[in-house]
Amino acid sequence: MTVRPETDRYDDVFIETIRLPTRDGAGTTALLSRPAADGVYPAIAVGAEGTGLNTYIRALAATLSHLGFVVIVPDFYRGNSPPDPDNYDDFETLMSYINALDFRRAVHDVLDATGTAPFEPTTSLSVRATIYDASTNSIFMGFIGSSACPTGASTASILKIPLSADGTKSGGPVVSAPVCVSGIASGTQITNLSQGPGGQLMAVIHDNTNNPVGRMVLIDKQTLAATTYATNGPYTGSAVNVAGVYSHVLDSAVIDDGFNEVLRVFSQGSSGSGSVWCTGEGIALFADSTMMEITSTLSNGLVPYGSGTWGCQGPHGLFASAPPAVGTADFRFTGTHAPAGGLGLLIVGDVADIAGSDPFGLGTKLHVNVFASTFLTSLDMTAGPSGFASSPAPIPILPSFVGATVDAQVLWYWSGGCPGLPIGLASSTGLAVTFLP
């Protein structure tokens, strides 16, 4: 389903202009768009086009909020934007404003050890992935191949650049190591680096064969030693891993299969084609891309996961009105894009199905494992005329609840039917709820 931003006026969306602090103390304004109803929602930061905060960007922000997101769009021009932000044709004026921006107030080159010139790696290999690691205060770079691997293995390379304490320049010896991958003839490249399990990095490999290969690799941050995390293939497109990341929420690797437009999930030691997490439009197809995990500290006790099965108005989000602290009498679950005036079934269990499955063959993805859960209950969730829904769920004053986690998901029935729903039954994303003191 594609949602096109055509208006910035929704009855269930509130838009305002706020002031943001900046590193240099000058500050700037930002457009803030959010669902009008109280609740805890996921957030998206949007970068405006070169024209600035125009009609399209306002409509984009409002439409995302209508779908259940808080959206912030900073004004990169700091109030000095082009005079007509809706004019896409006057490139001369537009470029004069873009060229006047002082990008160095936001970023700077990493300098060499002398602090007098930009740092340049000594290798001539092409950089395909980069990540900064705070635990080692180092930059790691992934390169396309080298020739340091045994016969029968193709090679990518990993480079570690220690930084000075202030992060402005190279601060120590630069080291590199090969990442040898057996079963690949050539074309090996690291397309994505991310923080992996156990304090290691995860590298995702792209190549030119559909053989079963360990394309998800863990890198030791100190020694740069590489070990296989998971193997994918054989299947058509198994080499086309245009991006990938380790998810701490899923405790698995997620790769972007750019041949089949699929996000695939692999647990450690697994092989084959993985489990399909998400498909279709919005997934990079035959293109260079990057995946990043926006980590959660779990400080608010709420972690959404999964995709659910979309209804007639798009994805059904599941959120909550407040952090789930013990004794919160007015705690309630909230949902978006429900059938107007509809009644949903909110399922609460204690075992999650992160990737989601359809155990009853209804064409509806469940993210609560109703068979493995030792605690299982249900609540009614009622929707208003705009599709915003809520379900009261007071949390009792029971200290034994602190630290316990339950998983929730709501099911909605669309009586008129809509594409992709065999019996009209849709489902929301999952929501892990960890009770707080």
Protein backbone atom coordinates (compact mmCIF):
# COMPACT_ATOMS: atom_id res chain seq x y z
CA MET A 1 0.00 0.00 0.00
CA THR A 2 1.30 3.47 -0.93
CA VAL A 3 0.18 6.52 1.04
CA ARG A 4 0.68 9.80 -0.82
CA PRO A 5 1.05 13.05 1.12
CA GLU A 6 -1.67 15.22 -0.41
CA THR A 7 -2.74 17.42 2.52
CA ASP A 8 -1.47 18.78 5.83
CA ARG A 9 -4.96 18.99 7.31
CA TYR A 10 -6.14 15.98 9.28
CA ASP A 11 -8.59 16.08 12.17
CA ASP A 12 -6.34 13.72 14.16
CA VAL A 13 -3.05 15.62 13.61
CA PHE A 14 -1.56 18.63 15.43
CA ILE A 15 1.21 20.71 13.77
CA GLU A 16 3.30 23.43 15.39
CA THR A 17 6.63 25.24 15.02
CA ILE A 18 9.14 24.74 17.83
CA ARG A 19 12.63 26.03 18.62
CA LEU A 20 15.60 23.63 18.60
CA PRO A 21 18.98 24.22 20.24
CA THR A 22 22.05 23.81 18.03
CA ARG A 23 25.66 23.00 18.82
CA ASP A 24 26.81 26.58 18.18
CA GLY A 25 24.08 27.99 20.45
CA ALA A 26 22.30 29.92 17.69
CA GLY A 27 19.29 27.58 17.48
CA THR A 28 16.83 26.99 14.67
CA THR A 29 13.15 26.34 14.18
CA ALA A 30 11.54 23.01 13.30
CA LEU A 31 8.18 21.77 12.17
CA LEU A 32 6.69 19.33 14.70
CA SER A 33 3.76 17.17 13.62
CA ARG A 34 2.12 14.62 15.92
CA PRO A 35 -1.07 12.67 16.44
CA ALA A 36 -3.55 14.84 18.32
CA ALA A 37 -4.51 12.09 20.79
CA ASP A 38 -2.39 11.50 23.89
CA GLY A 39 -0.08 8.52 23.69
CA VAL A 40 3.45 7.24 23.17
CA TYR A 41 4.31 7.10 19.46
CA PRO A 42 7.36 6.21 17.34
CA ALA A 43 9.22 9.22 15.93
CA ILE A 44 10.72 10.10 12.55
CA ALA A 45 13.17 12.90 11.72
CA VAL A 46 12.67 14.18 8.16
CA GLY A 47 15.20 16.17 6.17
CA ALA A 48 13.54 18.81 4.01
CA GLU A 49 14.37 19.24 0.35
CA GLY A 50 16.66 22.00 -0.82
CA THR A 51 13.62 24.23 -1.23
CA GLY A 52 13.06 24.20 2.53
CA LEU A 53 9.87 23.64 4.53
CA ASN A 54 7.36 23.80 1.72
CA THR A 55 3.80 22.59 1.14
CA TYR A 56 4.91 19.08 0.19
CA ILE A 57 7.08 18.62 3.30
CA ARG A 58 4.24 19.84 5.54
CA ALA A 59 1.88 17.38 3.87
CA LEU A 60 4.44 14.58 4.23
CA ALA A 61 4.87 15.27 7.96
CA ALA A 62 1.12 15.50 8.53
CA THR A 63 0.42 12.29 6.62
CA LEU A 64 3.05 10.39 8.62
CA SER A 65 1.43 11.69 11.82
CA HIS A 66 -1.95 10.57 10.48
CA LEU A 67 -0.35 7.13 10.22
CA GLY A 68 0.72 7.26 13.88
CA PHE A 69 4.16 8.90 13.96
CA VAL A 70 5.60 11.97 15.64
CA VAL A 71 7.56 13.84 12.94
CA ILE A 72 10.13 16.60 13.29
CA VAL A 73 11.55 18.55 10.33
CA PRO A 74 14.41 20.92 11.25
CA ASP A 75 14.88 24.11 9.24
CA PHE A 76 18.40 23.68 7.88
CA TYR A 77 18.32 27.24 6.57
CA ARG A 78 17.84 28.61 10.10
CA GLY A 79 15.12 31.01 8.94
CA ASN A 80 16.94 32.16 5.79
CA SER A 81 15.25 29.86 3.25
CA PRO A 82 14.47 30.52 -0.43
CA PRO A 83 11.70 33.12 -0.85
CA ASP A 84 9.35 30.70 -2.64
CA PRO A 85 9.89 27.17 -1.22
CA ASP A 86 7.25 25.71 -3.55
CA ASN A 87 9.16 26.84 -6.67
CA TYR A 88 11.15 23.87 -8.00
CA ASP A 89 12.08 25.59 -11.27
CA ASP A 90 14.25 28.55 -10.18
CA PHE A 91 17.45 26.53 -9.76
CA GLU A 92 19.70 29.59 -9.83
CA THR A 93 18.05 31.10 -6.77
CA LEU A 94 17.79 27.72 -5.06
CA MET A 95 21.48 26.90 -5.50
CA SER A 96 22.51 30.33 -4.22
CA TYR A 97 20.75 29.55 -0.93
CA ILE A 98 22.15 26.00 -0.74
CA ASN A 99 25.69 27.21 -1.42
CA ALA A 100 25.37 29.81 1.32
CA LEU A 101 24.82 27.12 3.98
CA ASP A 102 27.72 26.64 6.40
CA PHE A 103 27.86 22.86 6.56
CA ARG A 104 30.93 22.93 8.79
CA ARG A 105 28.75 24.05 11.68
CA ALA A 106 27.32 20.50 11.55
CA VAL A 107 30.15 18.26 10.27
CA HIS A 108 33.88 18.28 9.77
CA ASP A 109 36.48 16.10 8.07
CA VAL A 110 38.44 13.67 10.21
CA LEU A 111 41.99 15.00 10.07
CA ASP A 112 45.27 13.11 9.87
CA ALA A 113 47.45 12.66 12.94
CA THR A 114 49.05 16.08 12.43
CA GLY A 115 45.67 17.78 12.48
CA THR A 116 46.53 19.78 9.37
CA ALA A 117 44.97 17.79 6.50
CA PRO A 118 41.99 15.47 5.96
CA PHE A 119 42.66 11.82 6.79
CA GLU A 120 42.94 9.56 3.75
CA PRO A 121 43.19 5.75 3.96
CA THR A 122 46.31 4.37 2.30
CA THR A 123 44.26 1.71 0.52
CA SER A 124 42.92 2.32 -2.98
CA LEU A 125 39.97 -0.03 -2.44
CA SER A 126 36.41 1.29 -2.66
CA VAL A 127 34.67 2.07 0.64
CA ARG A 128 31.15 0.60 0.84
CA ALA A 129 30.28 0.81 4.56
CA THR A 130 31.36 2.92 7.54
CA ILE A 131 30.43 3.00 11.23
CA TYR A 132 31.67 4.94 14.26
CA ASP A 133 32.08 2.85 17.42
CA ALA A 134 31.99 4.76 20.71
CA SER A 135 33.31 1.84 22.79
CA THR A 136 36.65 1.95 20.95
CA ASN A 137 36.44 5.59 19.75
CA SER A 138 37.22 4.31 16.28
CA ILE A 139 35.85 4.44 12.75
CA PHE A 140 35.47 1.09 10.98
CA MET A 141 35.31 0.93 7.17
CA GLY A 142 34.30 -1.96 4.93
CA PHE A 143 36.05 -2.27 1.56
CA ILE A 144 35.57 -4.27 -1.59
CA GLY A 145 37.96 -7.24 -1.56
CA SER A 146 41.70 -7.76 -1.36
CA SER A 147 43.88 -10.77 -2.14
CA ALA A 148 44.81 -12.04 1.32
CA CYS A 149 42.52 -15.10 1.52
CA PRO A 150 43.13 -18.79 0.75
CA THR A 151 42.20 -20.30 -2.61
CA GLY A 152 38.45 -20.88 -2.85
CA ALA A 153 37.58 -17.88 -0.72
CA SER A 154 36.74 -14.37 -1.80
CA THR A 155 37.78 -11.39 0.25
CA ALA A 156 36.44 -8.19 1.67
CA SER A 157 38.50 -5.96 3.95
CA ILE A 158 37.83 -4.20 7.25
CA LEU A 159 39.77 -1.09 8.33
CA LYS A 160 39.95 0.37 11.86
CA ILE A 161 40.87 4.03 12.39
CA PRO A 162 41.37 4.99 16.07
CA LEU A 163 40.50 8.62 16.78
CA SER A 164 41.91 11.25 19.12
CA ALA A 165 40.03 11.85 22.37
CA ASP A 166 38.14 14.81 20.87
CA GLY A 167 37.29 12.85 17.72
CA THR A 168 38.80 15.38 15.33
CA LYS A 169 41.77 13.42 13.95
CA SER A 170 43.41 10.04 13.60
CA GLY A 171 44.70 9.02 17.00
CA GLY A 172 46.66 5.83 16.52
CA PRO A 173 47.91 3.17 14.10
CA VAL A 174 45.40 2.27 11.38
CA VAL A 175 44.93 -1.49 11.11
CA SER A 176 43.21 -3.64 8.50
CA ALA A 177 42.31 -7.28 8.05
CA PRO A 178 40.75 -9.49 5.39
CA VAL A 179 37.26 -10.92 5.76
CA CYS A 180 37.49 -14.27 3.97
CA VAL A 181 34.24 -15.82 2.69
CA SER A 182 34.29 -19.38 1.34
CA GLY A 183 32.08 -20.40 -1.58
CA ILE A 184 32.33 -17.10 -3.47
CA ALA A 185 34.42 -16.74 -6.59
CA SER A 186 34.65 -12.95 -6.65
CA GLY A 187 32.80 -9.69 -6.13
CA THR A 188 32.78 -9.79 -2.32
CA GLN A 189 31.98 -6.49 -0.63
CA ILE A 190 30.81 -5.35 2.80
CA THR A 191 27.60 -3.42 2.19
CA ASN A 192 26.66 -2.62 5.80
CA LEU A 193 28.26 -2.44 9.25
CA SER A 194 26.27 -2.36 12.48
CA GLN A 195 26.65 -3.06 16.19
CA GLY A 196 26.33 -6.80 16.67
CA PRO A 197 25.80 -9.09 19.66
CA GLY A 198 28.39 -9.49 22.40
CA GLY A 199 30.15 -6.19 21.72
CA GLN A 200 31.14 -7.18 18.18
CA LEU A 201 30.40 -5.58 14.83
CA MET A 202 28.23 -7.23 12.22
CA ALA A 203 29.20 -7.05 8.55
CA VAL A 204 26.77 -7.99 5.79
CA ILE A 205 28.27 -9.34 2.56
CA HIS A 206 27.12 -8.87 -1.05
CA ASP A 207 28.60 -10.96 -3.88
CA ASN A 208 27.80 -12.55 -7.25
CA THR A 209 26.71 -16.13 -6.51
CA ASN A 210 23.59 -17.78 -5.09
CA ASN A 211 25.57 -20.46 -3.24
CA PRO A 212 24.94 -20.98 0.50
CA VAL A 213 27.50 -18.59 1.98
CA GLY A 214 28.15 -17.01 5.40
CA ARG A 215 27.18 -13.50 4.35
CA MET A 216 26.44 -12.31 7.91
CA VAL A 217 29.76 -12.00 9.73
CA LEU A 218 30.82 -10.90 13.22
CA ILE A 219 33.97 -8.74 13.52
CA ASP A 220 35.98 -8.53 16.74
CA LYS A 221 36.60 -4.82 17.40
CA GLN A 222 40.08 -5.40 18.83
CA THR A 223 41.58 -8.12 16.63
CA LEU A 224 39.36 -7.68 13.54
CA ALA A 225 38.95 -11.47 13.47
CA ALA A 226 35.86 -12.53 11.49
CA THR A 227 33.44 -15.38 12.32
CA THR A 228 30.27 -16.45 10.51
CA TYR A 229 27.01 -15.43 12.21
CA ALA A 230 24.55 -16.94 9.71
CA THR A 231 24.47 -18.39 6.20
CA ASN A 232 21.95 -17.57 3.51
CA GLY A 233 21.21 -19.42 0.26
CA PRO A 234 20.77 -21.20 -1.99
CA TYR A 235 17.85 -19.22 -3.44
CA THR A 236 17.56 -16.82 -6.34
CA GLY A 237 18.84 -13.47 -5.13
CA SER A 238 20.71 -14.78 -2.09
CA ALA A 239 23.81 -12.80 -3.17
CA VAL A 240 21.97 -9.49 -3.50
CA ASN A 241 22.26 -8.29 0.08
CA VAL A 242 22.17 -4.56 -0.62
CA ALA A 243 22.05 -3.77 3.11
CA GLY A 244 21.67 -5.45 6.48
CA VAL A 245 21.82 -4.88 10.20
CA TYR A 246 21.84 -6.75 13.50
CA SER A 247 18.65 -6.08 15.45
CA HIS A 248 18.97 -6.19 19.24
CA VAL A 249 15.17 -6.29 19.52
CA LEU A 250 14.87 -9.32 17.23
CA ASP A 251 18.20 -10.80 18.42
CA SER A 252 18.79 -11.62 14.76
CA ALA A 253 20.34 -10.31 11.58
CA VAL A 254 18.02 -8.54 9.13
CA ILE A 255 19.12 -8.36 5.50
CA ASP A 256 17.67 -6.42 2.59
CA ASP A 257 17.21 -8.92 -0.25
CA GLY A 258 17.42 -6.43 -3.10
CA PHE A 259 16.52 -9.01 -5.74
CA ASN A 260 13.17 -10.07 -4.27
CA GLU A 261 12.28 -6.86 -2.35
CA VAL A 262 12.22 -8.74 0.95
CA LEU A 263 13.62 -8.17 4.44
CA ARG A 264 14.84 -11.55 5.72
CA VAL A 265 15.58 -12.43 9.37
CA PHE A 266 18.34 -14.87 10.37
CA SER A 267 19.14 -16.03 13.90
CA GLN A 268 22.70 -16.96 14.85
CA GLY A 269 23.82 -20.23 13.27
CA SER A 270 20.85 -20.38 10.90
CA SER A 271 20.94 -20.98 7.15
CA GLY A 272 18.66 -21.16 4.12
CA SER A 273 16.27 -18.36 3.21
CA GLY A 274 15.54 -17.12 6.76
CA SER A 275 12.08 -15.89 7.72
CA VAL A 276 10.41 -13.15 5.68
CA TRP A 277 9.78 -10.11 7.88
CA CYS A 278 8.59 -7.54 5.38
CA THR A 279 8.03 -7.38 1.62
CA GLY A 280 7.21 -4.93 -1.14
CA GLU A 281 7.48 -1.22 -1.80
CA GLY A 282 9.96 0.73 0.29
CA ILE A 283 12.61 -2.04 0.33
CA ALA A 284 15.72 -1.17 -1.67
CA LEU A 285 15.80 -2.99 -5.02
CA PHE A 286 19.19 -3.46 -6.77
CA ALA A 287 20.44 -0.26 -5.12
CA ASP A 288 23.13 0.84 -2.72
CA SER A 289 21.48 1.52 0.61
CA THR A 290 22.15 1.50 4.32
CA MET A 291 20.20 0.04 7.23
CA MET A 292 20.54 1.35 10.78
CA GLU A 293 19.04 0.17 14.04
CA ILE A 294 17.60 2.95 16.19
CA THR A 295 18.25 1.34 19.53
CA SER A 296 15.86 1.53 22.46
CA THR A 297 17.07 1.95 26.02
CA LEU A 298 13.79 0.43 27.21
CA SER A 299 13.58 3.44 29.54
CA ASN A 300 9.89 3.86 28.78
CA GLY A 301 9.12 0.14 28.92
CA LEU A 302 7.55 0.07 25.44
CA VAL A 303 9.11 -1.58 22.38
CA PRO A 304 7.08 -1.95 19.15
CA TYR A 305 8.04 -4.71 16.75
CA GLY A 306 6.87 -6.53 13.64
CA SER A 307 4.63 -5.31 10.83
CA GLY A 308 1.26 -6.96 11.42
CA THR A 309 -1.20 -7.28 8.53
CA TRP A 310 -2.35 -3.96 7.08
CA GLY A 311 -6.00 -2.99 7.02
CA CYS A 312 -7.91 -0.86 4.52
CA GLN A 313 -6.39 2.39 5.88
CA GLY A 314 -2.79 1.21 6.12
CA PRO A 315 -0.75 -0.24 9.00
CA HIS A 316 -2.39 -0.70 12.38
CA GLY A 317 -0.05 0.78 14.97
CA LEU A 318 -0.24 -0.26 18.63
CA PHE A 319 1.04 2.14 21.29
CA ALA A 320 0.27 3.14 24.88
CA SER A 321 -0.82 6.30 26.65
CA ALA A 322 2.09 6.35 29.13
CA PRO A 323 5.08 4.33 30.34
CA PRO A 324 3.80 1.12 32.03
CA ALA A 325 4.68 1.95 35.63
CA VAL A 326 3.17 -0.18 38.38
CA GLY A 327 0.13 1.61 39.82
CA THR A 328 -0.73 3.59 36.65
CA ALA A 329 -4.51 3.53 36.98
CA ASP A 330 -5.18 5.38 33.71
CA PHE A 331 -2.83 3.29 31.53
CA ARG A 332 -4.39 2.33 28.21
CA PHE A 333 -3.36 0.83 24.91
CA THR A 334 -3.89 3.02 21.86
CA GLY A 335 -4.13 2.14 18.19
CA THR A 336 -4.30 3.80 14.78
CA HIS A 337 -6.10 3.27 11.44
CA ALA A 338 -8.83 1.10 12.91
CA PRO A 339 -12.22 0.76 11.21
CA ALA A 340 -14.29 3.81 12.19
CA GLY A 341 -16.37 2.89 15.24
CA GLY A 342 -14.97 -0.65 15.17
CA LEU A 343 -14.36 -3.10 17.98
CA GLY A 344 -10.92 -4.76 18.11
CA LEU A 345 -9.66 -7.78 20.02
CA LEU A 346 -6.51 -6.94 21.99
CA ILE A 347 -4.48 -10.08 22.73
CA VAL A 348 -1.95 -10.02 25.61
CA GLY A 349 0.46 -12.90 26.21
CA ASP A 350 3.95 -13.46 27.56
CA VAL A 351 5.69 -14.95 24.50
CA ALA A 352 6.35 -12.86 21.40
CA ASP A 353 6.44 -13.99 17.79
CA ILE A 354 8.79 -11.27 16.54
CA ALA A 355 8.76 -12.15 12.84
CA GLY A 356 5.07 -13.03 12.95
CA SER A 357 3.22 -16.11 11.70
CA ASP A 358 -0.24 -17.23 10.60
CA PRO A 359 -0.88 -20.37 12.69
CA PHE A 360 -4.61 -20.49 11.91
CA GLY A 361 -4.28 -19.95 8.15
CA LEU A 362 -6.44 -16.80 8.20
CA GLY A 363 -4.12 -14.60 6.16
CA THR A 364 -3.37 -12.58 9.31
CA LYS A 365 0.05 -12.24 10.92
CA LEU A 366 0.18 -12.79 14.70
CA HIS A 367 2.99 -11.36 16.83
CA VAL A 368 1.81 -12.92 20.12
CA ASN A 369 2.51 -16.65 20.38
CA VAL A 370 -0.85 -17.85 21.67
CA PHE A 371 0.34 -21.46 21.97
CA ALA A 372 3.59 -20.90 23.88
CA SER A 373 2.29 -18.16 26.22
CA THR A 374 1.70 -19.28 29.80
CA PHE A 375 -0.25 -16.06 30.42
CA LEU A 376 -2.91 -15.16 27.86
CA THR A 377 -5.81 -12.74 28.08
CA SER A 378 -7.79 -10.39 25.85
CA LEU A 379 -9.31 -6.92 26.09
CA ASP A 380 -11.75 -4.93 23.97
CA MET A 381 -10.36 -2.00 21.99
CA THR A 382 -12.84 0.54 20.65
CA ALA A 383 -12.23 2.93 17.75
CA GLY A 384 -13.61 6.43 17.23
CA PRO A 385 -14.79 7.95 13.96
CA SER A 386 -11.21 8.91 12.90
CA GLY A 387 -9.85 5.39 13.42
CA PHE A 388 -7.99 6.21 16.65
CA ALA A 389 -8.64 3.46 19.19
CA SER A 390 -7.99 2.84 22.88
CA SER A 391 -8.34 0.11 25.46
CA PRO A 392 -8.19 0.88 29.21
CA ALA A 393 -5.73 -1.42 31.01
CA PRO A 394 -5.10 -0.16 34.58
CA ILE A 395 -1.86 -1.49 36.08
CA PRO A 396 -2.29 -2.61 39.71
CA ILE A 397 0.10 -1.73 42.50
CA LEU A 398 1.95 -5.03 42.56
CA PRO A 399 5.74 -4.79 43.07
CA SER A 400 6.10 -8.31 41.68
CA PHE A 401 5.15 -6.94 38.24
CA VAL A 402 8.33 -4.84 37.99
CA GLY A 403 10.62 -6.19 35.28
CA ALA A 404 8.03 -8.58 33.85
CA THR A 405 7.24 -8.26 30.14
CA VAL A 406 4.02 -8.99 28.26
CA ASP A 407 3.39 -8.78 24.53
CA ALA A 408 0.27 -7.27 22.97
CA GLN A 409 -1.38 -7.10 19.56
CA VAL A 410 -4.83 -6.05 18.35
CA LEU A 411 -6.96 -7.71 15.66
CA TRP A 412 -9.43 -5.67 13.55
CA TYR A 413 -12.24 -6.88 11.29
CA TRP A 414 -13.00 -4.89 8.13
CA SER A 415 -16.59 -5.75 7.24
CA GLY A 416 -16.40 -4.38 3.69
CA GLY A 417 -13.20 -6.26 2.95
CA CYS A 418 -10.03 -4.83 1.39
CA PRO A 419 -7.20 -6.18 -0.81
CA GLY A 420 -4.89 -8.69 0.83
CA LEU A 421 -7.32 -9.73 3.59
CA PRO A 422 -8.92 -13.09 2.70
CA ILE A 423 -11.54 -12.86 5.45
CA GLY A 424 -11.23 -9.15 6.31
CA LEU A 425 -9.08 -9.72 9.41
CA ALA A 426 -6.13 -7.35 9.94
CA SER A 427 -3.60 -7.11 12.77
CA SER A 428 -1.45 -4.46 14.39
CA THR A 429 2.24 -4.35 15.08
CA GLY A 430 3.35 -6.07 18.28
CA LEU A 431 4.12 -4.15 21.46
CA ALA A 432 6.40 -5.44 24.22
CA VAL A 433 5.43 -3.93 27.58
CA THR A 434 7.94 -4.14 30.42
CA PHE A 435 6.50 -3.00 33.77
CA LEU A 436 8.43 -0.22 35.52
CA PRO A 437 8.67 0.64 39.24
